[in-house]
Protein backbone atom coordinates (compact mmCIF):
# COMPACT_ATOMS: atom_id res chain seq x y z
CA MET A 1 -104.09 -33.14 -32.25
CA ILE A 2 -102.25 -29.71 -33.09
CA ALA A 3 -104.61 -27.53 -32.49
CA LEU A 4 -104.23 -29.29 -28.41
CA ALA A 5 -100.48 -29.08 -28.56
CA ALA A 6 -100.92 -25.62 -29.12
CA ALA A 7 -103.49 -25.21 -26.78
CA LEU A 8 -101.05 -26.64 -23.89
CA GLY A 9 -98.34 -24.27 -24.93
CA ILE A 10 -96.01 -27.18 -26.82
CA LEU A 11 -96.18 -25.21 -30.09
CA ARG A 12 -96.12 -21.65 -29.98
CA PRO A 13 -97.18 -19.48 -32.91
CA ALA A 14 -93.88 -17.18 -33.97
CA SER A 15 -94.37 -13.41 -32.78
CA ALA A 16 -92.26 -10.44 -33.07
CA GLN A 17 -89.91 -11.17 -30.14
CA ASP A 18 -88.68 -14.30 -31.89
CA THR A 19 -87.43 -12.61 -34.87
CA PRO A 20 -84.13 -11.93 -33.96
CA PRO A 21 -82.64 -8.08 -34.41
CA ALA A 22 -80.85 -6.98 -38.10
CA PRO A 23 -77.28 -7.06 -38.35
CA PRO A 24 -75.31 -3.88 -38.51
CA GLU A 25 -75.00 -3.02 -41.96
CA GLY A 26 -71.53 -3.88 -43.47
CA ALA A 27 -71.45 -6.73 -40.73
CA PRO A 28 -71.16 -10.43 -41.91
CA PRO A 29 -74.46 -12.64 -41.87
CA ALA A 30 -75.06 -14.49 -38.78
CA PRO A 31 -74.96 -18.37 -39.06
CA PRO A 32 -77.93 -19.72 -39.32
CA ALA A 33 -79.86 -20.60 -35.90
CA ALA A 34 -80.50 -24.90 -35.02
CA PRO A 35 -84.16 -25.50 -35.68
CA ALA A 36 -86.46 -25.61 -32.74
CA GLU A 37 -88.23 -29.01 -31.96
CA SER A 38 -90.78 -28.23 -33.34
CA ASP A 39 -89.79 -27.55 -36.82
CA ASP A 40 -89.71 -31.00 -37.51
CA GLY A 41 -92.99 -31.35 -36.61
CA MET A 42 -95.61 -33.50 -34.76
CA THR A 43 -97.11 -36.70 -34.63
CA GLY A 44 -99.51 -38.17 -32.74
CA ASN A 45 -102.28 -40.58 -32.62
CA MET A 46 -106.00 -41.45 -31.78
CA GLU A 47 -108.10 -44.19 -30.64
CA PHE A 48 -111.40 -44.74 -30.10
CA PHE A 49 -112.82 -47.34 -26.93
CA ILE A 50 -116.21 -49.27 -27.18
CA GLY A 51 -116.82 -51.45 -25.18
CA GLN A 52 -118.28 -52.36 -21.75
CA ALA A 53 -117.40 -52.07 -17.77
CA TYR A 54 -117.13 -54.16 -15.31
CA LEU A 55 -118.02 -52.94 -11.51
CA THR A 56 -117.85 -55.01 -8.73
CA ASP A 57 -121.74 -56.67 -7.30
CA TYR A 58 -121.57 -52.99 -5.07
CA PHE A 59 -123.08 -51.09 -7.89
CA ALA A 60 -125.67 -53.74 -8.99
CA PRO A 61 -127.97 -53.87 -10.68
CA VAL A 62 -125.98 -51.27 -12.92
CA ASP A 63 -122.91 -52.88 -12.47
CA GLU A 64 -122.48 -53.29 -15.95
CA PRO A 65 -122.45 -49.75 -17.47
CA ALA A 66 -122.14 -48.95 -21.30
CA SER A 67 -118.56 -47.38 -21.99
CA PHE A 68 -117.30 -44.97 -24.56
CA GLY A 69 -113.79 -43.22 -24.66
CA PHE A 70 -110.97 -41.90 -27.00
CA GLU A 71 -107.06 -41.45 -26.08
CA ILE A 72 -104.66 -39.14 -27.91
CA ASP A 73 -100.82 -39.29 -27.71
CA PHE A 74 -98.26 -36.53 -28.99
CA ALA A 75 -94.85 -36.15 -29.35
CA PRO A 76 -92.39 -33.85 -31.98
CA LYS A 77 -91.64 -36.32 -34.16
CA LYS A 78 -88.46 -37.63 -33.47
CA SER A 79 -89.52 -38.87 -29.70
CA PRO A 80 -90.29 -42.15 -29.08
CA VAL A 81 -91.88 -40.87 -26.15
CA HIS A 82 -95.71 -39.41 -26.43
CA VAL A 83 -97.43 -37.17 -24.20
CA ALA A 84 -100.86 -39.27 -23.42
CA LEU A 85 -104.66 -38.03 -23.05
CA GLY A 86 -107.74 -39.64 -22.42
CA MET A 87 -111.35 -39.42 -21.31
CA ASN A 88 -113.71 -42.87 -20.89
CA PHE A 89 -117.83 -42.36 -20.39
CA ALA A 90 -119.72 -45.24 -18.92
CA GLY A 91 -123.81 -45.07 -17.78
CA GLU A 92 -126.69 -47.65 -17.34
CA THR A 93 -129.87 -46.81 -16.32
CA LYS A 94 -132.37 -49.89 -15.15
CA SER A 95 -136.04 -50.27 -13.38
CA VAL A 96 -135.57 -51.63 -9.96
CA THR A 97 -138.33 -53.08 -7.34
CA GLY A 98 -136.67 -52.55 -4.65
CA THR A 99 -134.14 -49.45 -3.11
CA TYR A 100 -130.92 -48.74 -4.76
CA PHE A 101 -129.61 -45.97 -2.60
CA GLY A 102 -132.63 -44.73 -1.45
CA GLU A 103 -134.32 -44.61 -5.23
CA THR A 104 -136.83 -46.57 -6.54
CA GLY A 105 -138.00 -47.37 -9.71
CA LYS A 106 -135.35 -46.03 -12.81
CA VAL A 107 -132.29 -45.60 -10.99
CA GLY A 108 -129.29 -44.83 -13.38
CA ALA A 109 -125.01 -44.59 -13.03
CA GLY A 110 -122.77 -42.94 -14.70
CA PHE A 111 -119.01 -42.04 -15.03
CA VAL A 112 -116.15 -40.17 -16.23
CA GLU A 113 -112.75 -41.24 -15.61
CA PHE A 114 -110.05 -38.69 -17.25
CA SER A 115 -106.18 -40.08 -17.73
CA ALA A 116 -103.00 -39.00 -18.67
CA GLY A 117 -99.28 -39.78 -18.87
CA PHE A 118 -96.42 -40.89 -21.21
CA VAL A 119 -96.29 -43.81 -23.66
CA TRP A 120 -92.97 -45.32 -25.18
CA LEU A 121 -93.61 -46.01 -28.92
CA PRO A 122 -90.23 -48.18 -29.87
CA VAL A 123 -92.23 -49.04 -33.53
CA ARG A 124 -92.73 -46.08 -34.98
CA LYS A 125 -93.94 -47.69 -39.15
CA SER A 126 -95.70 -51.29 -38.70
CA PHE A 127 -99.20 -52.07 -38.03
CA VAL A 128 -98.92 -53.70 -35.12
CA ARG A 129 -97.09 -51.49 -32.80
CA PRO A 130 -96.58 -52.35 -29.17
CA TYR A 131 -96.21 -49.70 -26.63
CA ILE A 132 -95.74 -49.56 -23.27
CA GLY A 133 -97.50 -46.56 -21.16
CA GLY A 134 -98.10 -45.49 -17.47
CA GLY A 135 -100.12 -42.67 -15.94
CA VAL A 136 -102.89 -41.63 -13.76
CA VAL A 137 -106.36 -42.07 -13.82
CA ARG A 138 -108.90 -39.53 -11.64
């Protein structure tokens, strides 16, 4: 998750530009700078989903595909609100005797969903942790 956060620009490695210039000789030392939010570290979760999707009869006979997905969320340790990203895959194949969208024989349908949003985690350390989330699926 830290690699993903770094790829998204949330965490960044220190560079020479981040190092303050040395104080002039004989000057009193500068007070330490306040720690950046990322100094506290990042926290997050990863969930996997396995199941079945139920589609409308419009997709019959491939209207109950098996599905697999995952969701990750991450944030600075002190934040109860996390950024959530997810992906879900679903697919099914069947043999049909009639026509299905102009095809006969073995037909299939596959779906990929991407999701992004925010998750509020009010309880941090518990076996059961309620959450409230919202976002978009495309």
